[in-house]
Amino acid sequence: VAEDDPAHWWRLGEPVGATVFYDNAGSSNLEVGPGKNLPTAGTAGLVSGDTNTAATFTELNSVQLVGPAGSAPAGSEYTIEFVIDTPLPAATTRSIMFWRDSSAANDSQASIPANGLGYLTWEGATSGFLVADDSPHHIALVQTATEKHIYVDGVLRGTDTEASVDYTGGTMHLGAATTNNFGGVLDEVAVYDTALSA
């Protein structure tokens, strides 16, 4: 992560009882969202060989972490990467994260629909590959000026032609969207203000 120079890097490795999750690349620390609950810190990490821990989001508890203004991707090209471990959704879409522009007029969401397939979707792009299988997966969401790309474990799994929206000055939200919660473990979330290759 560090060698690719992230704008934000939330390792989510805080100890049990943490109420603030620190930005290891900038100053956009995450705190609990309004009317939401904190994740459980101190969960075993998802990156093999790394002793850093992760955070567990409980689906029934409407868990959400929110960054301040400026925590969303900036510019017309960006990458968001993270490691996830989640089971197949049951009855509702499972929102992993979303980011919103400074006017709150536009947002973009990565989620797993409750359609029994366990694919990750990001607007019009879908992974076409099972990620909700109770196993860790590295995800990279890459936005170019004209396309969205979804990489799963380093392999390009989904593409959609869609012009970029500039989220400069906006906010990053991990976990619950308005009505859809996330259930599972999230680790090593990083935001880059460039379109990486994977």
Protein backbone atom coordinates (compact mmCIF):
# COMPACT_ATOMS: atom_id res chain seq x y z
CA VAL A 1 0.00 0.00 0.00
CA ALA A 2 2.58 2.55 1.13
CA GLU A 3 4.69 2.26 -2.04
CA ASP A 4 1.70 3.34 -4.16
CA ASP A 5 1.41 6.58 -2.14
CA PRO A 6 -2.20 6.51 -0.89
CA ALA A 7 -4.02 9.72 -0.06
CA HIS A 8 -5.79 7.89 2.78
CA TRP A 9 -5.06 4.56 4.44
CA TRP A 10 -7.27 3.18 7.17
CA ARG A 11 -5.61 0.01 8.40
CA LEU A 12 -8.47 -0.59 10.88
CA GLY A 13 -5.95 -2.15 13.24
CA GLU A 14 -6.95 -0.25 16.35
CA PRO A 15 -7.27 -2.16 19.65
CA VAL A 16 -10.50 -3.50 21.13
CA GLY A 17 -12.70 -0.64 22.32
CA ALA A 18 -11.39 1.90 19.78
CA THR A 19 -13.72 4.78 18.91
CA VAL A 20 -11.45 6.45 16.35
CA PHE A 21 -9.86 4.68 13.38
CA TYR A 22 -6.79 6.54 12.17
CA ASP A 23 -5.72 7.57 8.70
CA ASN A 24 -2.15 6.28 8.32
CA ALA A 25 -1.51 8.35 5.18
CA GLY A 26 -3.32 11.59 5.93
CA SER A 27 -5.41 13.24 8.63
CA SER A 28 -8.91 11.97 7.77
CA ASN A 29 -9.64 9.81 10.79
CA LEU A 30 -12.86 7.78 10.84
CA GLU A 31 -15.49 7.99 13.57
CA VAL A 32 -18.95 6.49 14.07
CA GLY A 33 -21.64 7.80 11.72
CA PRO A 34 -24.67 9.73 13.05
CA GLY A 35 -27.18 7.31 14.55
CA LYS A 36 -24.94 4.35 13.75
CA ASN A 37 -22.75 2.00 15.79
CA LEU A 38 -19.01 1.32 15.95
CA PRO A 39 -17.42 -1.82 14.50
CA THR A 40 -15.63 -4.26 16.78
CA ALA A 41 -11.89 -3.60 16.65
CA GLY A 42 -9.17 -6.16 17.31
CA THR A 43 -10.40 -8.87 14.92
CA ALA A 44 -7.70 -11.06 13.39
CA GLY A 45 -6.35 -9.34 10.28
CA LEU A 46 -7.07 -10.59 6.76
CA VAL A 47 -3.61 -10.10 5.23
CA SER A 48 -1.47 -13.21 5.47
CA GLY A 49 1.75 -12.67 7.43
CA ASP A 50 0.64 -9.27 8.77
CA THR A 51 0.01 -9.00 12.51
CA ASN A 52 -2.15 -5.90 12.11
CA THR A 53 -5.77 -6.50 13.14
CA ALA A 54 -9.03 -5.66 11.35
CA ALA A 55 -12.57 -4.50 12.21
CA THR A 56 -15.77 -6.55 12.32
CA PHE A 57 -18.99 -4.93 11.12
CA THR A 58 -22.13 -6.56 12.54
CA GLU A 59 -24.94 -6.47 9.99
CA LEU A 60 -27.80 -6.24 12.50
CA ASN A 61 -26.19 -3.34 14.37
CA SER A 62 -26.11 -0.78 11.53
CA VAL A 63 -22.36 -0.17 11.83
CA GLN A 64 -20.79 2.76 9.99
CA LEU A 65 -17.56 4.74 10.06
CA VAL A 66 -17.43 8.21 8.46
CA GLY A 67 -14.51 10.38 7.46
CA PRO A 68 -14.40 14.19 7.44
CA ALA A 69 -14.65 16.41 4.37
CA GLY A 70 -11.78 15.52 2.06
CA SER A 71 -11.74 11.80 2.92
CA ALA A 72 -13.36 10.74 -0.38
CA PRO A 73 -11.31 10.20 -3.55
CA ALA A 74 -10.16 13.38 -5.26
CA GLY A 75 -10.05 14.06 -8.99
CA SER A 76 -11.47 12.28 -12.01
CA GLU A 77 -9.33 9.15 -11.63
CA TYR A 78 -8.91 7.19 -8.41
CA THR A 79 -8.54 3.77 -6.81
CA ILE A 80 -10.04 2.32 -3.64
CA GLU A 81 -8.66 -0.95 -2.33
CA PHE A 82 -9.54 -3.08 0.67
CA VAL A 83 -9.60 -6.64 1.97
CA ILE A 84 -12.95 -8.17 2.82
CA ASP A 85 -14.28 -11.38 4.39
CA THR A 86 -18.07 -11.69 4.34
CA PRO A 87 -20.73 -14.43 4.02
CA LEU A 88 -23.42 -14.56 1.36
CA PRO A 89 -26.09 -11.88 2.00
CA ALA A 90 -29.46 -13.18 3.15
CA ALA A 91 -32.37 -10.82 2.59
CA THR A 92 -30.95 -7.37 1.84
CA THR A 93 -28.11 -5.81 -0.13
CA ARG A 94 -24.92 -5.60 1.90
CA SER A 95 -23.34 -2.13 1.60
CA ILE A 96 -19.55 -2.32 1.99
CA MET A 97 -18.81 1.38 1.59
CA PHE A 98 -19.87 4.50 -0.23
CA TRP A 99 -18.38 7.92 -0.90
CA ARG A 100 -20.19 11.19 -1.44
CA ASP A 101 -19.28 14.52 -3.02
CA SER A 102 -19.06 17.74 -1.02
CA SER A 103 -22.59 18.83 -1.97
CA ALA A 104 -24.08 15.39 -1.13
CA ALA A 105 -25.63 15.42 -4.61
CA ASN A 106 -23.65 12.42 -5.88
CA ASP A 107 -22.45 9.22 -4.26
CA SER A 108 -20.96 5.92 -5.34
CA GLN A 109 -21.40 2.59 -3.56
CA ALA A 110 -19.70 -0.80 -3.48
CA SER A 111 -22.06 -3.53 -2.29
CA ILE A 112 -23.07 -7.18 -2.49
CA PRO A 113 -26.68 -7.62 -3.66
CA ALA A 114 -28.94 -10.19 -1.99
CA ASN A 115 -29.45 -12.16 -5.22
CA GLY A 116 -27.70 -15.35 -4.12
CA LEU A 117 -24.68 -14.83 -6.40
CA GLY A 118 -22.29 -13.17 -3.92
CA TYR A 119 -20.83 -10.84 -6.54
CA LEU A 120 -19.54 -7.38 -5.69
CA THR A 121 -21.21 -4.54 -7.57
CA TRP A 122 -20.10 -0.95 -8.04
CA GLU A 123 -22.66 1.12 -9.90
CA GLY A 124 -22.94 -0.59 -13.33
CA ALA A 125 -19.91 -2.84 -12.84
CA THR A 126 -20.09 -6.31 -11.30
CA SER A 127 -17.31 -8.68 -10.31
CA GLY A 128 -18.97 -11.73 -11.89
CA PHE A 129 -16.98 -13.63 -9.30
CA LEU A 130 -17.98 -14.90 -5.85
CA VAL A 131 -16.55 -12.68 -3.11
CA ALA A 132 -19.13 -13.36 -0.38
CA ASP A 133 -17.81 -16.79 0.56
CA ASP A 134 -16.43 -16.40 4.11
CA SER A 135 -12.89 -16.08 2.72
CA PRO A 136 -10.58 -13.04 2.49
CA HIS A 137 -10.48 -11.26 -0.88
CA HIS A 138 -8.44 -8.27 -1.98
CA ILE A 139 -10.62 -5.80 -3.89
CA ALA A 140 -9.49 -2.85 -6.01
CA LEU A 141 -12.03 -0.43 -7.47
CA VAL A 142 -10.39 1.62 -10.21
CA GLN A 143 -12.03 4.64 -11.81
CA THR A 144 -10.52 6.07 -14.97
CA ALA A 145 -11.93 9.11 -16.74
CA THR A 146 -14.38 6.89 -18.65
CA GLU A 147 -14.49 3.42 -17.05
CA LYS A 148 -14.90 1.52 -13.80
CA HIS A 149 -12.81 -1.62 -13.19
CA ILE A 150 -13.26 -4.20 -10.42
CA TYR A 151 -10.23 -6.32 -9.54
CA VAL A 152 -10.59 -9.32 -7.23
CA ASP A 153 -7.38 -10.83 -5.87
CA GLY A 154 -5.39 -9.05 -8.58
CA VAL A 155 -7.56 -10.25 -11.50
CA LEU A 156 -9.79 -7.91 -13.54
CA ARG A 157 -13.31 -9.24 -13.03
CA GLY A 158 -15.63 -6.44 -14.08
CA THR A 159 -15.71 -3.30 -16.24
CA ASP A 160 -18.33 -0.69 -16.97
CA THR A 161 -18.19 2.36 -19.21
CA GLU A 162 -19.13 5.27 -17.01
CA ALA A 163 -17.74 8.78 -16.84
CA SER A 164 -16.09 9.75 -13.60
CA VAL A 165 -17.59 12.04 -10.96
CA ASP A 166 -15.21 14.28 -9.03
CA TYR A 167 -15.61 13.58 -5.30
CA THR A 168 -12.95 16.07 -4.20
CA GLY A 169 -13.82 17.45 -0.77
CA GLY A 170 -16.39 14.72 -0.15
CA THR A 171 -16.71 12.09 2.56
CA MET A 172 -15.92 8.39 2.84
CA HIS A 173 -18.35 6.04 4.61
CA LEU A 174 -17.45 2.46 5.56
CA GLY A 175 -20.29 0.07 6.32
CA ALA A 176 -23.97 0.89 6.46
CA ALA A 177 -25.64 2.96 3.77
CA THR A 178 -29.10 4.45 4.41
CA THR A 179 -30.93 1.12 4.66
CA ASN A 180 -28.31 -1.51 3.79
CA ASN A 181 -25.79 -2.66 6.39
CA PHE A 182 -22.50 -4.50 6.04
CA GLY A 183 -21.77 -7.73 7.85
CA GLY A 184 -18.23 -9.10 7.85
CA VAL A 185 -14.61 -8.13 8.38
CA LEU A 186 -12.95 -5.17 6.66
CA ASP A 187 -9.21 -4.53 6.58
CA GLU A 188 -6.61 -2.23 5.00
CA VAL A 189 -8.82 0.33 3.24
CA ALA A 190 -6.80 2.69 1.05
CA VAL A 191 -7.73 5.54 -1.29
CA TYR A 192 -5.45 6.69 -4.11
CA ASP A 193 -5.97 9.80 -6.21
CA THR A 194 -4.77 7.89 -9.30
CA ALA A 195 -6.07 4.94 -11.32
CA LEU A 196 -3.80 2.01 -10.39
CA SER A 197 -3.39 -1.03 -12.63
CA ALA A 198 -4.76 -3.50 -10.03
